[in-house]
PDB file of N, CA and C in Angstrom:
ATOM      1  N   MET A   1      -4.006  -8.064 -18.066  1.00  0.00           N
ATOM      2  CA  MET A   1      -4.753  -8.856 -17.118  1.00  0.00           C
ATOM      3  C   MET A   1      -4.084  -8.841 -15.743  1.00  0.00           C
ATOM      4  N   THR A   2      -2.757  -8.879 -15.709  1.00  0.00           N
ATOM      5  CA  THR A   2      -2.071  -8.892 -14.414  1.00  0.00           C
ATOM      6  C   THR A   2      -2.394  -7.617 -13.627  1.00  0.00           C
ATOM      7  N   GLY A   3      -2.444  -6.490 -14.317  1.00  0.00           N
ATOM      8  CA  GLY A   3      -2.774  -5.231 -13.653  1.00  0.00           C
ATOM      9  C   GLY A   3      -4.198  -5.214 -13.136  1.00  0.00           C
ATOM     10  N   TYR A   4      -5.128  -5.690 -13.959  1.00  0.00           N
ATOM     11  CA  TYR A   4      -6.529  -5.716 -13.557  1.00  0.00           C
ATOM     12  C   TYR A   4      -6.727  -6.629 -12.346  1.00  0.00           C
ATOM     13  N   VAL A   5      -6.111  -7.809 -12.389  1.00  0.00           N
ATOM     14  CA  VAL A   5      -6.245  -8.767 -11.286  1.00  0.00           C
ATOM     15  C   VAL A   5      -5.747  -8.138  -9.988  1.00  0.00           C
ATOM     16  N   LYS A   6      -4.616  -7.477 -10.056  1.00  0.00           N
ATOM     17  CA  LYS A   6      -4.050  -6.853  -8.851  1.00  0.00           C
ATOM     18  C   LYS A   6      -4.997  -5.791  -8.288  1.00  0.00           C
ATOM     19  N   ILE A   7      -5.483  -4.925  -9.148  1.00  0.00           N
ATOM     20  CA  ILE A   7      -6.374  -3.845  -8.708  1.00  0.00           C
ATOM     21  C   ILE A   7      -7.687  -4.407  -8.171  1.00  0.00           C
ATOM     22  N   HIS A   8      -8.291  -5.314  -8.917  1.00  0.00           N
ATOM     23  CA  HIS A   8      -9.589  -5.855  -8.516  1.00  0.00           C
ATOM     24  C   HIS A   8      -9.502  -6.622  -7.197  1.00  0.00           C
ATOM     25  N   PHE A   9      -8.527  -7.523  -7.101  1.00  0.00           N
ATOM     26  CA  PHE A   9      -8.415  -8.334  -5.893  1.00  0.00           C
ATOM     27  C   PHE A   9      -8.041  -7.487  -4.680  1.00  0.00           C
ATOM     28  N   THR A  10      -7.198  -6.491  -4.864  1.00  0.00           N
ATOM     29  CA  THR A  10      -6.849  -5.600  -3.757  1.00  0.00           C
ATOM     30  C   THR A  10      -8.087  -4.872  -3.253  1.00  0.00           C
ATOM     31  N   PHE A  11      -8.880  -4.343  -4.185  1.00  0.00           N
ATOM     32  CA  PHE A  11     -10.114  -3.646  -3.810  1.00  0.00           C
ATOM     33  C   PHE A  11     -11.053  -4.599  -3.073  1.00  0.00           C
ATOM     34  N   GLU A  12     -11.244  -5.800  -3.642  1.00  0.00           N
ATOM     35  CA  GLU A  12     -12.172  -6.764  -3.050  1.00  0.00           C
ATOM     36  C   GLU A  12     -11.711  -7.186  -1.651  1.00  0.00           C
ATOM     37  N   GLU A  13     -10.429  -7.453  -1.501  1.00  0.00           N
ATOM     38  CA  GLU A  13      -9.908  -7.884  -0.203  1.00  0.00           C
ATOM     39  C   GLU A  13      -9.965  -6.752   0.829  1.00  0.00           C
ATOM     40  N   ASP A  14      -9.694  -5.527   0.396  1.00  0.00           N
ATOM     41  CA  ASP A  14      -9.824  -4.386   1.303  1.00  0.00           C
ATOM     42  C   ASP A  14     -11.273  -4.242   1.763  1.00  0.00           C
ATOM     43  N   PHE A  15     -12.197  -4.426   0.827  1.00  0.00           N
ATOM     44  CA  PHE A  15     -13.618  -4.340   1.168  1.00  0.00           C
ATOM     45  C   PHE A  15     -13.997  -5.438   2.161  1.00  0.00           C
ATOM     46  N   MET A  16     -13.559  -6.671   1.898  1.00  0.00           N
ATOM     47  CA  MET A  16     -13.870  -7.772   2.810  1.00  0.00           C
ATOM     48  C   MET A  16     -13.302  -7.490   4.205  1.00  0.00           C
ATOM     49  N   GLY A  17     -12.117  -6.910   4.258  1.00  0.00           N
ATOM     50  CA  GLY A  17     -11.540  -6.545   5.549  1.00  0.00           C
ATOM     51  C   GLY A  17     -12.377  -5.491   6.257  1.00  0.00           C
ATOM     52  N   SER A  18     -12.874  -4.525   5.502  1.00  0.00           N
ATOM     53  CA  SER A  18     -13.646  -3.435   6.102  1.00  0.00           C
ATOM     54  C   SER A  18     -14.971  -3.914   6.679  1.00  0.00           C
ATOM     55  N   ILE A  19     -15.526  -4.990   6.128  1.00  0.00           N
ATOM     56  CA  ILE A  19     -16.797  -5.514   6.661  1.00  0.00           C
ATOM     57  C   ILE A  19     -16.566  -6.691   7.601  1.00  0.00           C
ATOM     58  N   LYS A  20     -15.279  -6.959   7.862  1.00  0.00           N
ATOM     59  CA  LYS A  20     -14.892  -8.064   8.746  1.00  0.00           C
ATOM     60  C   LYS A  20     -15.442  -9.405   8.257  1.00  0.00           C
ATOM     61  N   TYR A  21     -15.268  -9.646   6.970  1.00  0.00           N
ATOM     62  CA  TYR A  21     -15.717 -10.900   6.354  1.00  0.00           C
ATOM     63  C   TYR A  21     -14.927 -12.053   6.954  1.00  0.00           C
ATOM     64  N   PRO A  22     -15.601 -13.042   7.547  1.00  0.00           N
ATOM     65  CA  PRO A  22     -14.896 -14.088   8.296  1.00  0.00           C
ATOM     66  C   PRO A  22     -14.047 -15.042   7.441  1.00  0.00           C
ATOM     67  N   ASP A  23     -14.348 -15.159   6.163  1.00  0.00           N
ATOM     68  CA  ASP A  23     -13.593 -16.070   5.301  1.00  0.00           C
ATOM     69  C   ASP A  23     -12.599 -15.338   4.403  1.00  0.00           C
ATOM     70  N   LEU A  24     -12.124 -14.199   4.872  1.00  0.00           N
ATOM     71  CA  LEU A  24     -11.173 -13.415   4.087  1.00  0.00           C
ATOM     72  C   LEU A  24      -9.900 -14.206   3.794  1.00  0.00           C
ATOM     73  N   SER A  25      -9.374 -14.901   4.775  1.00  0.00           N
ATOM     74  CA  SER A  25      -8.108 -15.613   4.576  1.00  0.00           C
ATOM     75  C   SER A  25      -8.187 -16.674   3.476  1.00  0.00           C
ATOM     76  N   PRO A  26      -9.173 -17.588   3.493  1.00  0.00           N
ATOM     77  CA  PRO A  26      -9.240 -18.555   2.396  1.00  0.00           C
ATOM     78  C   PRO A  26      -9.567 -17.898   1.050  1.00  0.00           C
ATOM     79  N   HIS A  27     -10.336 -16.826   1.087  1.00  0.00           N
ATOM     80  CA  HIS A  27     -10.663 -16.111  -0.151  1.00  0.00           C
ATOM     81  C   HIS A  27      -9.386 -15.482  -0.729  1.00  0.00           C
ATOM     82  N   HIS A  28      -8.594 -14.909   0.153  1.00  0.00           N
ATOM     83  CA  HIS A  28      -7.316 -14.325  -0.258  1.00  0.00           C
ATOM     84  C   HIS A  28      -6.416 -15.399  -0.886  1.00  0.00           C
ATOM     85  N   LYS A  29      -6.413 -16.586  -0.322  1.00  0.00           N
ATOM     86  CA  LYS A  29      -5.610 -17.691  -0.867  1.00  0.00           C
ATOM     87  C   LYS A  29      -6.051 -18.022  -2.292  1.00  0.00           C
ATOM     88  N   MET A  30      -7.355 -18.033  -2.534  1.00  0.00           N
ATOM     89  CA  MET A  30      -7.853 -18.275  -3.899  1.00  0.00           C
ATOM     90  C   MET A  30      -7.355 -17.192  -4.848  1.00  0.00           C
ATOM     91  N   HIS A  31      -7.393 -15.954  -4.388  1.00  0.00           N
ATOM     92  CA  HIS A  31      -6.896 -14.848  -5.206  1.00  0.00           C
ATOM     93  C   HIS A  31      -5.405 -15.013  -5.481  1.00  0.00           C
ATOM     94  N   THR A  32      -4.660 -15.393  -4.457  1.00  0.00           N
ATOM     95  CA  THR A  32      -3.212 -15.583  -4.618  1.00  0.00           C
ATOM     96  C   THR A  32      -2.924 -16.673  -5.640  1.00  0.00           C
ATOM     97  N   ASP A  33      -3.636 -17.778  -5.556  1.00  0.00           N
ATOM     98  CA  ASP A  33      -3.450 -18.860  -6.524  1.00  0.00           C
ATOM     99  C   ASP A  33      -3.749 -18.390  -7.942  1.00  0.00           C
ATOM    100  N   PHE A  34      -4.806 -17.607  -8.088  1.00  0.00           N
ATOM    101  CA  PHE A  34      -5.173 -17.093  -9.412  1.00  0.00           C
ATOM    102  C   PHE A  34      -4.110 -16.121  -9.924  1.00  0.00           C
ATOM    103  N   ARG A  35      -3.651 -15.228  -9.025  1.00  0.00           N
ATOM    104  CA  ARG A  35      -2.586 -14.290  -9.411  1.00  0.00           C
ATOM    105  C   ARG A  35      -1.351 -15.047  -9.907  1.00  0.00           C
ATOM    106  N   GLU A  36      -0.994 -16.116  -9.203  1.00  0.00           N
ATOM    107  CA  GLU A  36       0.176 -16.909  -9.598  1.00  0.00           C
ATOM    108  C   GLU A  36      -0.028 -17.560 -10.961  1.00  0.00           C
ATOM    109  N   TYR A  37      -1.225 -18.039 -11.225  1.00  0.00           N
ATOM    110  CA  TYR A  37      -1.527 -18.628 -12.530  1.00  0.00           C
ATOM    111  C   TYR A  37      -1.361 -17.580 -13.633  1.00  0.00           C
ATOM    112  N   VAL A  38      -1.955 -16.418 -13.417  1.00  0.00           N
ATOM    113  CA  VAL A  38      -1.869 -15.333 -14.408  1.00  0.00           C
ATOM    114  C   VAL A  38      -0.415 -14.915 -14.598  1.00  0.00           C
ATOM    115  N   GLN A  39       0.347 -14.844 -13.513  1.00  0.00           N
ATOM    116  CA  GLN A  39       1.759 -14.460 -13.603  1.00  0.00           C
ATOM    117  C   GLN A  39       2.552 -15.472 -14.424  1.00  0.00           C
ATOM    118  N   LYS A  40       2.285 -16.769 -14.220  1.00  0.00           N
ATOM    119  CA  LYS A  40       2.982 -17.809 -15.000  1.00  0.00           C
ATOM    120  C   LYS A  40       2.686 -17.672 -16.483  1.00  0.00           C
ATOM    121  N   ILE A  41       1.445 -17.394 -16.823  1.00  0.00           N
ATOM    122  CA  ILE A  41       1.075 -17.200 -18.233  1.00  0.00           C
ATOM    123  C   ILE A  41       1.804 -15.980 -18.785  1.00  0.00           C
ATOM    124  N   HIS A  42       1.841 -14.920 -18.011  1.00  0.00           N
ATOM    125  CA  HIS A  42       2.526 -13.696 -18.433  1.00  0.00           C
ATOM    126  C   HIS A  42       4.017 -13.954 -18.666  1.00  0.00           C
ATOM    127  N   GLU A  43       4.635 -14.690 -17.761  1.00  0.00           N
ATOM    128  CA  GLU A  43       6.062 -15.006 -17.908  1.00  0.00           C
ATOM    129  C   GLU A  43       6.313 -15.868 -19.147  1.00  0.00           C
ATOM    130  N   LYS A  44       5.440 -16.850 -19.378  1.00  0.00           N
ATOM    131  CA  LYS A  44       5.577 -17.679 -20.577  1.00  0.00           C
ATOM    132  C   LYS A  44       5.492 -16.810 -21.834  1.00  0.00           C
ATOM    133  N   ASP A  45       4.574 -15.863 -21.824  1.00  0.00           N
ATOM    134  CA  ASP A  45       4.406 -14.977 -22.972  1.00  0.00           C
ATOM    135  C   ASP A  45       5.667 -14.140 -23.186  1.00  0.00           C
ATOM    136  N   LEU A  46       6.224 -13.604 -22.105  1.00  0.00           N
ATOM    137  CA  LEU A  46       7.434 -12.794 -22.220  1.00  0.00           C
ATOM    138  C   LEU A  46       8.608 -13.599 -22.776  1.00  0.00           C
ATOM    139  N   LEU A  47       8.643 -14.883 -22.432  1.00  0.00           N
ATOM    140  CA  LEU A  47       9.719 -15.756 -22.903  1.00  0.00           C
ATOM    141  C   LEU A  47       9.414 -16.370 -24.267  1.00  0.00           C
ATOM    142  N   HIS A  48       8.264 -16.018 -24.808  1.00  0.00           N
ATOM    143  CA  HIS A  48       7.808 -16.545 -26.095  1.00  0.00           C
ATOM    144  C   HIS A  48       7.650 -18.064 -26.070  1.00  0.00           C
ATOM    145  N   ASP A  49       7.320 -18.600 -24.884  1.00  0.00           N
ATOM    146  CA  ASP A  49       7.024 -20.020 -24.761  1.00  0.00           C
ATOM    147  C   ASP A  49       5.647 -20.285 -25.364  1.00  0.00           C
ATOM    148  N   LYS A  50       5.456 -21.521 -25.777  1.00  0.00           N
ATOM    149  CA  LYS A  50       4.178 -21.908 -26.344  1.00  0.00           C
ATOM    150  C   LYS A  50       3.101 -21.841 -25.268  1.00  0.00           C
ATOM    151  N   ILE A  51       1.995 -21.218 -25.610  1.00  0.00           N
ATOM    152  CA  ILE A  51       0.871 -21.073 -24.700  1.00  0.00           C
ATOM    153  C   ILE A  51      -0.346 -21.698 -25.363  1.00  0.00           C
ATOM    154  N   ASN A  52      -1.028 -22.565 -24.618  1.00  0.00           N
ATOM    155  CA  ASN A  52      -2.241 -23.187 -25.131  1.00  0.00           C
ATOM    156  C   ASN A  52      -3.421 -22.294 -24.768  1.00  0.00           C
ATOM    157  N   SER A  53      -3.847 -21.473 -25.709  1.00  0.00           N
ATOM    158  CA  SER A  53      -4.896 -20.501 -25.417  1.00  0.00           C
ATOM    159  C   SER A  53      -6.216 -21.170 -25.060  1.00  0.00           C
ATOM    160  N   GLY A  54      -6.492 -22.344 -25.642  1.00  0.00           N
ATOM    161  CA  GLY A  54      -7.727 -23.049 -25.291  1.00  0.00           C
ATOM    162  C   GLY A  54      -7.758 -23.447 -23.835  1.00  0.00           C
ATOM    163  N   GLU A  55      -6.627 -23.941 -23.330  1.00  0.00           N
ATOM    164  CA  GLU A  55      -6.548 -24.315 -21.922  1.00  0.00           C
ATOM    165  C   GLU A  55      -6.701 -23.094 -21.021  1.00  0.00           C
ATOM    166  N   ILE A  56      -6.079 -21.994 -21.427  1.00  0.00           N
ATOM    167  CA  ILE A  56      -6.165 -20.767 -20.634  1.00  0.00           C
ATOM    168  C   ILE A  56      -7.607 -20.270 -20.579  1.00  0.00           C
ATOM    169  N   ILE A  57      -8.257 -20.227 -21.718  1.00  0.00           N
ATOM    170  CA  ILE A  57      -9.642 -19.753 -21.766  1.00  0.00           C
ATOM    171  C   ILE A  57     -10.541 -20.651 -20.933  1.00  0.00           C
ATOM    172  N   SER A  58     -10.356 -21.941 -21.029  1.00  0.00           N
ATOM    173  CA  SER A  58     -11.160 -22.886 -20.251  1.00  0.00           C
ATOM    174  C   SER A  58     -10.935 -22.675 -18.751  1.00  0.00           C
ATOM    175  N   TYR A  59      -9.666 -22.546 -18.350  1.00  0.00           N
ATOM    176  CA  TYR A  59      -9.337 -22.317 -16.945  1.00  0.00           C
ATOM    177  C   TYR A  59      -9.976 -21.020 -16.452  1.00  0.00           C
ATOM    178  N   LEU A  60      -9.807 -19.957 -17.219  1.00  0.00           N
ATOM    179  CA  LEU A  60     -10.346 -18.660 -16.808  1.00  0.00           C
ATOM    180  C   LEU A  60     -11.862 -18.698 -16.708  1.00  0.00           C
ATOM    181  N   LYS A  61     -12.510 -19.291 -17.683  1.00  0.00           N
ATOM    182  CA  LYS A  61     -13.971 -19.396 -17.658  1.00  0.00           C
ATOM    183  C   LYS A  61     -14.444 -20.149 -16.420  1.00  0.00           C
ATOM    184  N   ASP A  62     -13.843 -21.300 -16.173  1.00  0.00           N
ATOM    185  CA  ASP A  62     -14.240 -22.106 -15.018  1.00  0.00           C
ATOM    186  C   ASP A  62     -13.959 -21.381 -13.708  1.00  0.00           C
ATOM    187  N   TRP A  63     -12.768 -20.800 -13.604  1.00  0.00           N
ATOM    188  CA  TRP A  63     -12.403 -20.135 -12.361  1.00  0.00           C
ATOM    189  C   TRP A  63     -13.317 -18.955 -12.087  1.00  0.00           C
ATOM    190  N   LEU A  64     -13.505 -18.117 -13.096  1.00  0.00           N
ATOM    191  CA  LEU A  64     -14.327 -16.929 -12.888  1.00  0.00           C
ATOM    192  C   LEU A  64     -15.768 -17.296 -12.580  1.00  0.00           C
ATOM    193  N   LYS A  65     -16.320 -18.233 -13.333  1.00  0.00           N
ATOM    194  CA  LYS A  65     -17.704 -18.649 -13.096  1.00  0.00           C
ATOM    195  C   LYS A  65     -17.850 -19.221 -11.688  1.00  0.00           C
ATOM    196  N   ASN A  66     -16.993 -20.137 -11.321  1.00  0.00           N
ATOM    197  CA  ASN A  66     -17.094 -20.759 -10.007  1.00  0.00           C
ATOM    198  C   ASN A  66     -16.798 -19.772  -8.887  1.00  0.00           C
ATOM    199  N   HIS A  67     -15.810 -18.924  -9.089  1.00  0.00           N
ATOM    200  CA  HIS A  67     -15.444 -17.976  -8.043  1.00  0.00           C
ATOM    201  C   HIS A  67     -16.569 -16.966  -7.817  1.00  0.00           C
ATOM    202  N   ILE A  68     -17.077 -16.418  -8.881  1.00  0.00           N
ATOM    203  CA  ILE A  68     -18.118 -15.399  -8.740  1.00  0.00           C
ATOM    204  C   ILE A  68     -19.420 -16.004  -8.215  1.00  0.00           C
ATOM    205  N   LEU A  69     -19.837 -17.124  -8.808  1.00  0.00           N
ATOM    206  CA  LEU A  69     -21.123 -17.708  -8.424  1.00  0.00           C
ATOM    207  C   LEU A  69     -21.092 -18.418  -7.076  1.00  0.00           C
ATOM    208  N   SER A  70     -19.921 -18.757  -6.599  1.00  0.00           N
ATOM    209  CA  SER A  70     -19.840 -19.451  -5.319  1.00  0.00           C
ATOM    210  C   SER A  70     -19.206 -18.565  -4.250  1.00  0.00           C
ATOM    211  N   GLU A  71     -17.943 -18.252  -4.426  1.00  0.00           N
ATOM    212  CA  GLU A  71     -17.199 -17.548  -3.381  1.00  0.00           C
ATOM    213  C   GLU A  71     -17.632 -16.095  -3.214  1.00  0.00           C
ATOM    214  N   ASP A  72     -17.756 -15.369  -4.312  1.00  0.00           N
ATOM    215  CA  ASP A  72     -18.171 -13.968  -4.193  1.00  0.00           C
ATOM    216  C   ASP A  72     -19.621 -13.859  -3.727  1.00  0.00           C
ATOM    217  N   LYS A  73     -20.430 -14.834  -4.090  1.00  0.00           N
ATOM    218  CA  LYS A  73     -21.821 -14.850  -3.636  1.00  0.00           C
ATOM    219  C   LYS A  73     -21.890 -14.954  -2.113  1.00  0.00           C
ATOM    220  N   LYS A  74     -20.935 -15.664  -1.516  1.00  0.00           N
ATOM    221  CA  LYS A  74     -20.892 -15.786  -0.059  1.00  0.00           C
ATOM    222  C   LYS A  74     -20.687 -14.420   0.604  1.00  0.00           C
ATOM    223  N   ILE A  75     -19.937 -13.558  -0.051  1.00  0.00           N
ATOM    224  CA  ILE A  75     -19.728 -12.203   0.486  1.00  0.00           C
ATOM    225  C   ILE A  75     -21.056 -11.456   0.501  1.00  0.00           C
ATOM    226  N   ALA A  76     -21.790 -11.547  -0.602  1.00  0.00           N
ATOM    227  CA  ALA A  76     -23.100 -10.882  -0.681  1.00  0.00           C
ATOM    228  C   ALA A  76     -24.045 -11.424   0.383  1.00  0.00           C
ATOM    229  N   GLU A  77     -24.028 -12.738   0.583  1.00  0.00           N
ATOM    230  CA  GLU A  77     -24.892 -13.345   1.605  1.00  0.00           C
ATOM    231  C   GLU A  77     -24.510 -12.851   3.002  1.00  0.00           C
ATOM    232  N   PHE A  78     -23.211 -12.725   3.251  1.00  0.00           N
ATOM    233  CA  PHE A  78     -22.733 -12.223   4.538  1.00  0.00           C
ATOM    234  C   PHE A  78     -23.234 -10.791   4.762  1.00  0.00           C
ATOM    235  N   ILE A  79     -23.158  -9.973   3.738  1.00  0.00           N
ATOM    236  CA  ILE A  79     -23.621  -8.576   3.841  1.00  0.00           C
ATOM    237  C   ILE A  79     -25.114  -8.548   4.130  1.00  0.00           C
ATOM    238  N   LEU A  80     -25.887  -9.360   3.433  1.00  0.00           N
ATOM    239  CA  LEU A  80     -27.322  -9.391   3.641  1.00  0.00           C
ATOM    240  C   LEU A  80     -27.679  -9.840   5.064  1.00  0.00           C
ATOM    241  N   LEU A  81     -26.967 -10.864   5.548  1.00  0.00           N
ATOM    242  CA  LEU A  81     -27.210 -11.329   6.913  1.00  0.00           C
ATOM    243  C   LEU A  81     -26.917 -10.238   7.935  1.00  0.00           C
ATOM    244  N   ARG A  82     -25.825  -9.526   7.728  1.00  0.00           N
ATOM    245  CA  ARG A  82     -25.460  -8.441   8.658  1.00  0.00           C
ATOM    246  C   ARG A  82     -26.481  -7.320   8.627  1.00  0.00           C
ATOM    247  N   SER A  83     -26.957  -7.000   7.440  1.00  0.00           N
ATOM    248  CA  SER A  83     -27.910  -5.876   7.334  1.00  0.00           C
ATOM    249  C   SER A  83     -29.279  -6.239   7.888  1.00  0.00           C
ATOM    250  N   ASN A  84     -29.584  -7.536   7.958  1.00  0.00           N
ATOM    251  CA  ASN A  84     -30.876  -7.967   8.500  1.00  0.00           C
ATOM    252  C   ASN A  84     -30.837  -8.247   9.994  1.00  0.00           C
ATOM    253  N   SER A  85     -29.667  -8.137  10.604  1.00  0.00           N
ATOM    254  CA  SER A  85     -29.607  -8.425  12.043  1.00  0.00           C
ATOM    255  C   SER A  85     -29.518  -7.183  12.866  1.00  0.00           C
TER     256      SER A  85
END
């Protein structure tokens, strides 16, 4: 997951930069926070610390649903507005 997050977010942020997306900075902050969460889980796993998989699944579901349906949707709306002007 850490590898996928890095690749996906890098691609998405590069794309937002290329279209001059005005909310790139706060969007990047959300990605950074998510990366840090995933990294903490990864570190706990490496240390064989107890991990509450239910909490992780709930967090991931909520974050992904909210991020995609709200924040990523704003990118699509920005693209549509630009293409119609």
